Amino acid sequence: MQTLTCRIVSIDALTPMVYRVHLEPPEAVKFEAGQYLQVVMGERDKRPFSIASCPSNPELFELHIGAHPDNRYATEVMERLQNQTTITVEAPLGNAFYQGNSERPLILVAGGTGFSYTWSILQSHLQSGSNRPITLYWGGRERADLYFHQQLLELAERHEHFSYRPVVENVNGEWKGAVGLVHHAVLAEQSDLSEADVYVAGRFEMVRVIRDDFHANGLPLSQLYGDALAFI
């Protein structure tokens, strides 16, 4: 881990409440797909965000920050980013990163902006040349919350071993994906979790339920990855 003063390169609104942030560290930083950084707000106030970018580009950090008005934890970070030209971060952190040497199929499970964790792993896997199957289940409250939906559909068309499974809780208008909770969609489709590596990111409550339900359905805990698991 290093403490770095990064230049704030760009901030783009992906939805009215989700922002894509690009940070440029002072030097190239080696990290693993699935690791995270901490934005240093104060000496004892460090806030973690998954690195969405791929390790093949060590000169840029991409973050996806969900800044709902009720979430001061994230909105305070966004306010600082929008009013400064640099930001101090600690990176890289986390042990729940992509296991490139495994031979098992990959299942990625994301809720909301937890997608940023799985996006880095997905990109790295597709770049690796491995033909191991990889399936992404991404859940949101509404279709609009799946802010990379079209890109993922197109990516799945180009890669035979990648399957994209979008899930929404509330349907408004036409919808061709699953409806309900994202982990229920996984359990409905995946008959044997014991043969997979599962990567999960989202709210702590969601990760806790996934850990318990997937383990009850045959997934060894040693094959379940997610930084939230260390805190629940």
C-alpha atoms as a PDB file:
ATOM      1  CA  MET A   1       0.000   0.000   0.000  1.00  0.00           C
ATOM      2  CA  GLN A   2       1.121   3.514  -0.844  1.00  0.00           C
ATOM      3  CA  THR A   3      -0.158   6.957   0.103  1.00  0.00           C
ATOM      4  CA  LEU A   4      -0.594   8.891  -3.142  1.00  0.00           C
ATOM      5  CA  THR A   5      -1.681  12.372  -4.129  1.00  0.00           C
ATOM      6  CA  CYS A   6      -3.671  11.821  -7.309  1.00  0.00           C
ATOM      7  CA  ARG A   7      -4.746  14.338  -9.913  1.00  0.00           C
ATOM      8  CA  ILE A   8      -8.496  14.376 -10.499  1.00  0.00           C
ATOM      9  CA  VAL A   9      -8.654  13.850 -14.251  1.00  0.00           C
ATOM     10  CA  SER A  10     -12.409  13.692 -14.847  1.00  0.00           C
ATOM     11  CA  ILE A  11     -15.804  13.239 -13.195  1.00  0.00           C
ATOM     12  CA  ASP A  12     -18.711  11.986 -15.316  1.00  0.00           C
ATOM     13  CA  ALA A  13     -22.310  11.398 -14.255  1.00  0.00           C
ATOM     14  CA  LEU A  14     -23.318   7.847 -15.236  1.00  0.00           C
ATOM     15  CA  THR A  15     -26.758   8.312 -13.670  1.00  0.00           C
ATOM     16  CA  PRO A  16     -28.201  11.195 -11.622  1.00  0.00           C
ATOM     17  CA  MET A  17     -26.577   9.617  -8.550  1.00  0.00           C
ATOM     18  CA  VAL A  18     -23.616   7.564  -9.826  1.00  0.00           C
ATOM     19  CA  TYR A  19     -20.344   9.160 -10.902  1.00  0.00           C
ATOM     20  CA  ARG A  20     -17.349   7.770 -12.742  1.00  0.00           C
ATOM     21  CA  VAL A  21     -14.147   9.326 -11.429  1.00  0.00           C
ATOM     22  CA  HIS A  22     -10.704   9.045 -13.028  1.00  0.00           C
ATOM     23  CA  LEU A  23      -7.661   9.660 -10.853  1.00  0.00           C
ATOM     24  CA  GLU A  24      -4.083   9.847 -12.054  1.00  0.00           C
ATOM     25  CA  PRO A  25      -1.468   8.753  -9.486  1.00  0.00           C
ATOM     26  CA  PRO A  26       1.956  10.421  -9.537  1.00  0.00           C
ATOM     27  CA  GLU A  27       3.468   7.182 -10.829  1.00  0.00           C
ATOM     28  CA  ALA A  28       2.252   3.849 -12.182  1.00  0.00           C
ATOM     29  CA  VAL A  29       0.774   1.695  -9.407  1.00  0.00           C
ATOM     30  CA  LYS A  30       0.665  -2.081  -9.662  1.00  0.00           C
ATOM     31  CA  PHE A  31      -2.617  -3.530  -8.390  1.00  0.00           C
ATOM     32  CA  GLU A  32      -4.729  -6.642  -8.791  1.00  0.00           C
ATOM     33  CA  ALA A  33      -8.181  -6.755 -10.366  1.00  0.00           C
ATOM     34  CA  GLY A  34     -10.668  -6.551  -7.529  1.00  0.00           C
ATOM     35  CA  GLN A  35      -8.578  -4.485  -5.145  1.00  0.00           C
ATOM     36  CA  TYR A  36      -9.688  -1.144  -3.730  1.00  0.00           C
ATOM     37  CA  LEU A  37      -8.324   2.203  -2.600  1.00  0.00           C
ATOM     38  CA  GLN A  38      -9.176   4.463   0.310  1.00  0.00           C
ATOM     39  CA  VAL A  39      -9.917   8.150  -0.094  1.00  0.00           C
ATOM     40  CA  VAL A  40      -8.240   9.945   2.804  1.00  0.00           C
ATOM     41  CA  MET A  41     -10.746  12.389   4.259  1.00  0.00           C
ATOM     42  CA  GLY A  42      -8.846  12.762   7.547  1.00  0.00           C
ATOM     43  CA  GLU A  43      -6.242  11.045   9.682  1.00  0.00           C
ATOM     44  CA  ARG A  44      -8.832   8.586  10.992  1.00  0.00           C
ATOM     45  CA  ASP A  45     -11.356   8.926   8.186  1.00  0.00           C
ATOM     46  CA  LYS A  46     -10.489   6.786   5.174  1.00  0.00           C
ATOM     47  CA  ARG A  47     -13.267   5.660   2.854  1.00  0.00           C
ATOM     48  CA  PRO A  48     -12.883   2.601   0.592  1.00  0.00           C
ATOM     49  CA  PHE A  49     -13.963   2.374  -3.062  1.00  0.00           C
ATOM     50  CA  SER A  50     -13.308  -0.472  -5.476  1.00  0.00           C
ATOM     51  CA  ILE A  51     -10.916   0.215  -8.331  1.00  0.00           C
ATOM     52  CA  ALA A  52     -13.029  -0.294 -11.445  1.00  0.00           C
ATOM     53  CA  SER A  53     -10.174   0.021 -13.906  1.00  0.00           C
ATOM     54  CA  CYS A  54      -8.054  -2.845 -15.160  1.00  0.00           C
ATOM     55  CA  PRO A  55      -4.519  -3.520 -13.867  1.00  0.00           C
ATOM     56  CA  SER A  56      -3.303  -3.373 -17.468  1.00  0.00           C
ATOM     57  CA  ASN A  57      -3.550   0.420 -17.077  1.00  0.00           C
ATOM     58  CA  PRO A  58      -1.534   1.106 -13.894  1.00  0.00           C
ATOM     59  CA  GLU A  59      -1.444   4.843 -14.570  1.00  0.00           C
ATOM     60  CA  LEU A  60      -5.138   5.483 -13.919  1.00  0.00           C
ATOM     61  CA  PHE A  61      -7.670   4.647 -11.205  1.00  0.00           C
ATOM     62  CA  GLU A  62     -11.337   4.513 -12.167  1.00  0.00           C
ATOM     63  CA  LEU A  63     -13.973   4.676  -9.428  1.00  0.00           C
ATOM     64  CA  HIS A  64     -17.765   4.366  -9.561  1.00  0.00           C
ATOM     65  CA  ILE A  65     -19.263   6.320  -6.672  1.00  0.00           C
ATOM     66  CA  GLY A  66     -22.947   6.127  -5.800  1.00  0.00           C
ATOM     67  CA  ALA A  67     -23.722   9.459  -4.139  1.00  0.00           C
ATOM     68  CA  HIS A  68     -27.360   9.301  -3.058  1.00  0.00           C
ATOM     69  CA  PRO A  69     -28.401  12.387  -1.056  1.00  0.00           C
ATOM     70  CA  ASP A  70     -29.050  10.183   1.990  1.00  0.00           C
ATOM     71  CA  ASN A  71     -25.539   8.697   1.809  1.00  0.00           C
ATOM     72  CA  ARG A  72     -23.265  11.299   3.385  1.00  0.00           C
ATOM     73  CA  TYR A  73     -20.398   8.808   3.373  1.00  0.00           C
ATOM     74  CA  ALA A  74     -20.204   9.001  -0.432  1.00  0.00           C
ATOM     75  CA  THR A  75     -21.616  12.475  -1.066  1.00  0.00           C
ATOM     76  CA  GLU A  76     -18.954  14.077   1.130  1.00  0.00           C
ATOM     77  CA  VAL A  77     -16.286  12.361  -0.961  1.00  0.00           C
ATOM     78  CA  MET A  78     -17.916  13.593  -4.166  1.00  0.00           C
ATOM     79  CA  GLU A  79     -18.112  17.135  -2.814  1.00  0.00           C
ATOM     80  CA  ARG A  80     -14.393  17.080  -2.115  1.00  0.00           C
ATOM     81  CA  LEU A  81     -13.588  15.622  -5.526  1.00  0.00           C
ATOM     82  CA  GLN A  82     -15.701  18.240  -7.289  1.00  0.00           C
ATOM     83  CA  ASN A  83     -14.041  21.119  -5.443  1.00  0.00           C
ATOM     84  CA  GLN A  84     -10.388  20.105  -5.622  1.00  0.00           C
ATOM     85  CA  THR A  85      -7.829  19.291  -8.281  1.00  0.00           C
ATOM     86  CA  THR A  86      -6.063  16.555  -6.287  1.00  0.00           C
ATOM     87  CA  ILE A  87      -7.058  13.931  -3.720  1.00  0.00           C
ATOM     88  CA  THR A  88      -5.025  11.779  -1.342  1.00  0.00           C
ATOM     89  CA  VAL A  89      -5.629   8.030  -1.489  1.00  0.00           C
ATOM     90  CA  GLU A  90      -4.143   4.838  -0.093  1.00  0.00           C
ATOM     91  CA  ALA A  91      -3.741   2.032  -2.629  1.00  0.00           C
ATOM     92  CA  PRO A  92      -3.849  -0.783  -3.385  1.00  0.00           C
ATOM     93  CA  LEU A  93      -5.726  -2.648  -0.655  1.00  0.00           C
ATOM     94  CA  GLY A  94      -7.701  -5.886  -0.394  1.00  0.00           C
ATOM     95  CA  ASN A  95      -7.188  -9.628  -0.719  1.00  0.00           C
ATOM     96  CA  ALA A  96     -10.373 -10.563  -2.598  1.00  0.00           C
ATOM     97  CA  PHE A  97      -8.816 -10.159  -6.017  1.00  0.00           C
ATOM     98  CA  TYR A  98      -8.990 -12.130  -9.269  1.00  0.00           C
ATOM     99  CA  GLN A  99      -7.552 -15.649  -9.013  1.00  0.00           C
ATOM    100  CA  GLY A 100      -6.079 -16.025 -12.473  1.00  0.00           C
ATOM    101  CA  ASN A 101      -4.481 -19.404 -11.779  1.00  0.00           C
ATOM    102  CA  SER A 102      -7.730 -21.144 -10.889  1.00  0.00           C
ATOM    103  CA  GLU A 103      -9.343 -23.554 -13.345  1.00  0.00           C
ATOM    104  CA  ARG A 104     -12.895 -23.071 -12.052  1.00  0.00           C
ATOM    105  CA  PRO A 105     -15.602 -21.054 -13.838  1.00  0.00           C
ATOM    106  CA  LEU A 106     -16.183 -17.546 -12.458  1.00  0.00           C
ATOM    107  CA  ILE A 107     -19.467 -16.167 -11.144  1.00  0.00           C
ATOM    108  CA  LEU A 108     -19.534 -12.422 -10.440  1.00  0.00           C
ATOM    109  CA  VAL A 109     -22.380 -11.048  -8.293  1.00  0.00           C
ATOM    110  CA  ALA A 110     -22.814  -7.295  -7.919  1.00  0.00           C
ATOM    111  CA  GLY A 111     -25.389  -5.028  -6.368  1.00  0.00           C
ATOM    112  CA  GLY A 112     -25.487  -1.385  -7.487  1.00  0.00           C
ATOM    113  CA  THR A 113     -22.056   0.231  -7.659  1.00  0.00           C
ATOM    114  CA  GLY A 114     -20.575  -3.012  -6.349  1.00  0.00           C
ATOM    115  CA  PHE A 115     -20.357  -3.554 -10.091  1.00  0.00           C
ATOM    116  CA  SER A 116     -17.084  -1.598 -10.092  1.00  0.00           C
ATOM    117  CA  TYR A 117     -15.383  -4.502  -8.270  1.00  0.00           C
ATOM    118  CA  THR A 118     -16.653  -7.055 -10.782  1.00  0.00           C
ATOM    119  CA  TRP A 119     -15.931  -4.793 -13.770  1.00  0.00           C
ATOM    120  CA  SER A 120     -12.211  -4.831 -13.039  1.00  0.00           C
ATOM    121  CA  ILE A 121     -12.227  -8.630 -12.651  1.00  0.00           C
ATOM    122  CA  LEU A 122     -14.287  -9.121 -15.814  1.00  0.00           C
ATOM    123  CA  GLN A 123     -11.961  -6.961 -17.907  1.00  0.00           C
ATOM    124  CA  SER A 124      -8.879  -8.732 -16.573  1.00  0.00           C
ATOM    125  CA  HIS A 125     -10.335 -12.159 -17.251  1.00  0.00           C
ATOM    126  CA  LEU A 126     -11.324 -11.308 -20.811  1.00  0.00           C
ATOM    127  CA  GLN A 127      -7.850  -9.868 -21.453  1.00  0.00           C
ATOM    128  CA  SER A 128      -6.126 -12.918 -19.989  1.00  0.00           C
ATOM    129  CA  GLY A 129      -6.911 -15.187 -22.914  1.00  0.00           C
ATOM    130  CA  SER A 130      -8.470 -17.791 -20.630  1.00  0.00           C
ATOM    131  CA  ASN A 131     -11.565 -19.572 -21.938  1.00  0.00           C
ATOM    132  CA  ARG A 132     -12.941 -20.291 -18.476  1.00  0.00           C
ATOM    133  CA  PRO A 133     -16.645 -19.369 -18.452  1.00  0.00           C
ATOM    134  CA  ILE A 134     -17.465 -16.155 -16.619  1.00  0.00           C
ATOM    135  CA  THR A 135     -20.987 -15.037 -15.696  1.00  0.00           C
ATOM    136  CA  LEU A 136     -21.921 -11.636 -14.309  1.00  0.00           C
ATOM    137  CA  TYR A 137     -25.120 -11.171 -12.318  1.00  0.00           C
ATOM    138  CA  TRP A 138     -25.762  -7.464 -11.746  1.00  0.00           C
ATOM    139  CA  GLY A 139     -28.697  -6.313  -9.655  1.00  0.00           C
ATOM    140  CA  GLY A 140     -30.300  -2.895  -9.334  1.00  0.00           C
ATOM    141  CA  ARG A 141     -33.549  -1.459  -8.072  1.00  0.00           C
ATOM    142  CA  GLU A 142     -34.426  -0.111 -11.531  1.00  0.00           C
ATOM    143  CA  ARG A 143     -33.165  -0.698 -15.057  1.00  0.00           C
ATOM    144  CA  ALA A 144     -31.537   2.763 -14.979  1.00  0.00           C
ATOM    145  CA  ASP A 145     -29.293   1.640 -12.107  1.00  0.00           C
ATOM    146  CA  LEU A 146     -27.487  -0.763 -14.464  1.00  0.00           C
ATOM    147  CA  TYR A 147     -25.436   2.023 -15.976  1.00  0.00           C
ATOM    148  CA  PHE A 148     -23.202  -0.210 -18.152  1.00  0.00           C
ATOM    149  CA  HIS A 149     -26.074  -2.388 -19.349  1.00  0.00           C
ATOM    150  CA  GLN A 150     -25.660  -1.807 -23.081  1.00  0.00           C
ATOM    151  CA  GLN A 151     -21.871  -2.151 -22.969  1.00  0.00           C
ATOM    152  CA  LEU A 152     -22.229  -5.491 -21.188  1.00  0.00           C
ATOM    153  CA  LEU A 153     -24.748  -6.777 -23.716  1.00  0.00           C
ATOM    154  CA  GLU A 154     -22.327  -5.922 -26.507  1.00  0.00           C
ATOM    155  CA  LEU A 155     -19.398  -7.465 -24.623  1.00  0.00           C
ATOM    156  CA  ALA A 156     -21.321 -10.703 -24.166  1.00  0.00           C
ATOM    157  CA  GLU A 157     -21.972 -10.828 -27.915  1.00  0.00           C
ATOM    158  CA  ARG A 158     -18.239 -10.589 -28.627  1.00  0.00           C
ATOM    159  CA  HIS A 159     -17.104 -13.189 -26.067  1.00  0.00           C
ATOM    160  CA  GLU A 160     -18.683 -16.634 -26.161  1.00  0.00           C
ATOM    161  CA  HIS A 161     -17.466 -17.540 -22.679  1.00  0.00           C
ATOM    162  CA  PHE A 162     -18.999 -14.419 -21.055  1.00  0.00           C
ATOM    163  CA  SER A 163     -22.648 -14.401 -19.966  1.00  0.00           C
ATOM    164  CA  TYR A 164     -24.391 -11.301 -18.639  1.00  0.00           C
ATOM    165  CA  ARG A 165     -27.427 -11.706 -16.364  1.00  0.00           C
ATOM    166  CA  PRO A 166     -29.053  -8.376 -15.407  1.00  0.00           C
ATOM    167  CA  VAL A 167     -31.582  -8.394 -12.547  1.00  0.00           C
ATOM    168  CA  VAL A 168     -33.923  -5.603 -11.397  1.00  0.00           C
ATOM    169  CA  GLU A 169     -36.244  -5.410  -8.420  1.00  0.00           C
ATOM    170  CA  ASN A 170     -38.817  -3.060  -9.971  1.00  0.00           C
ATOM    171  CA  VAL A 171     -39.927  -3.295 -13.598  1.00  0.00           C
ATOM    172  CA  ASN A 172     -41.200  -0.228 -15.437  1.00  0.00           C
ATOM    173  CA  GLY A 173     -41.892  -0.892 -19.104  1.00  0.00           C
ATOM    174  CA  GLU A 174     -40.311  -3.605 -21.208  1.00  0.00           C
ATOM    175  CA  TRP A 175     -37.684  -5.777 -19.508  1.00  0.00           C
ATOM    176  CA  LYS A 176     -36.084  -8.997 -20.753  1.00  0.00           C
ATOM    177  CA  GLY A 177     -33.930  -9.805 -17.727  1.00  0.00           C
ATOM    178  CA  ALA A 178     -34.665 -11.434 -14.384  1.00  0.00           C
ATOM    179  CA  VAL A 179     -36.813  -9.734 -11.738  1.00  0.00           C
ATOM    180  CA  GLY A 180     -36.188  -9.856  -7.993  1.00  0.00           C
ATOM    181  CA  LEU A 181     -33.061 -10.156  -5.877  1.00  0.00           C
ATOM    182  CA  VAL A 182     -29.784 -10.761  -7.657  1.00  0.00           C
ATOM    183  CA  HIS A 183     -28.670 -13.727  -5.539  1.00  0.00           C
ATOM    184  CA  HIS A 184     -31.995 -15.473  -6.146  1.00  0.00           C
ATOM    185  CA  ALA A 185     -31.275 -15.286  -9.876  1.00  0.00           C
ATOM    186  CA  VAL A 186     -27.905 -16.967  -9.269  1.00  0.00           C
ATOM    187  CA  LEU A 187     -29.460 -19.791  -7.247  1.00  0.00           C
ATOM    188  CA  ALA A 188     -32.174 -20.291  -9.877  1.00  0.00           C
ATOM    189  CA  GLU A 189     -29.615 -20.793 -12.663  1.00  0.00           C
ATOM    190  CA  GLN A 190     -26.538 -22.278 -10.991  1.00  0.00           C
ATOM    191  CA  SER A 191     -27.172 -25.868  -9.926  1.00  0.00           C
ATOM    192  CA  ASP A 192     -23.667 -26.616  -8.632  1.00  0.00           C
ATOM    193  CA  LEU A 193     -21.849 -23.755  -6.935  1.00  0.00           C
ATOM    194  CA  SER A 194     -19.192 -26.121  -5.592  1.00  0.00           C
ATOM    195  CA  GLU A 195     -17.388 -25.971  -8.946  1.00  0.00           C
ATOM    196  CA  ALA A 196     -17.180 -22.160  -9.208  1.00  0.00           C
ATOM    197  CA  ASP A 197     -15.166 -19.226  -7.930  1.00  0.00           C
ATOM    198  CA  VAL A 198     -17.679 -16.594  -6.783  1.00  0.00           C
ATOM    199  CA  TYR A 199     -16.844 -12.891  -6.435  1.00  0.00           C
ATOM    200  CA  VAL A 200     -19.389 -10.668  -4.690  1.00  0.00           C
ATOM    201  CA  ALA A 201     -19.724  -6.938  -3.976  1.00  0.00           C
ATOM    202  CA  GLY A 202     -22.569  -4.818  -2.669  1.00  0.00           C
ATOM    203  CA  ARG A 203     -24.121  -3.727   0.607  1.00  0.00           C
ATOM    204  CA  PHE A 204     -22.887  -5.646   3.646  1.00  0.00           C
ATOM    205  CA  GLU A 205     -26.398  -6.985   4.263  1.00  0.00           C
ATOM    206  CA  MET A 206     -26.508  -8.411   0.744  1.00  0.00           C
ATOM    207  CA  VAL A 207     -23.059  -9.986   1.005  1.00  0.00           C
ATOM    208  CA  ARG A 208     -23.958 -11.622   4.324  1.00  0.00           C
ATOM    209  CA  VAL A 209     -27.060 -13.234   2.833  1.00  0.00           C
ATOM    210  CA  ILE A 210     -25.150 -14.397  -0.229  1.00  0.00           C
ATOM    211  CA  ARG A 211     -22.425 -15.946   1.909  1.00  0.00           C
ATOM    212  CA  ASP A 212     -24.937 -17.895   3.979  1.00  0.00           C
ATOM    213  CA  ASP A 213     -27.249 -18.951   1.124  1.00  0.00           C
ATOM    214  CA  PHE A 214     -24.484 -19.904  -1.295  1.00  0.00           C
ATOM    215  CA  HIS A 215     -22.620 -21.883   1.360  1.00  0.00           C
ATOM    216  CA  ALA A 216     -25.859 -23.720   2.186  1.00  0.00           C
ATOM    217  CA  ASN A 217     -26.089 -24.562  -1.530  1.00  0.00           C
ATOM    218  CA  GLY A 218     -22.647 -26.147  -1.731  1.00  0.00           C
ATOM    219  CA  LEU A 219     -20.206 -23.281  -2.246  1.00  0.00           C
ATOM    220  CA  PRO A 220     -17.027 -23.737  -0.161  1.00  0.00           C
ATOM    221  CA  LEU A 221     -16.261 -20.484   1.638  1.00  0.00           C
ATOM    222  CA  SER A 222     -12.694 -20.759   0.328  1.00  0.00           C
ATOM    223  CA  GLN A 223     -14.132 -20.165  -3.168  1.00  0.00           C
ATOM    224  CA  LEU A 224     -16.068 -17.037  -2.192  1.00  0.00           C
ATOM    225  CA  TYR A 225     -14.304 -13.683  -2.601  1.00  0.00           C
ATOM    226  CA  GLY A 226     -15.348 -10.221  -1.462  1.00  0.00           C
ATOM    227  CA  ASP A 227     -13.725  -7.628   0.766  1.00  0.00           C
ATOM    228  CA  ALA A 228     -16.947  -7.190   2.752  1.00  0.00           C
ATOM    229  CA  LEU A 229     -16.545 -10.776   3.991  1.00  0.00           C
ATOM    230  CA  ALA A 230     -13.765  -9.647   6.309  1.00  0.00           C
ATOM    231  CA  PHE A 231     -16.181  -7.368   8.183  1.00  0.00           C
ATOM    232  CA  ILE A 232     -19.333  -9.492   8.514  1.00  0.00           C
END
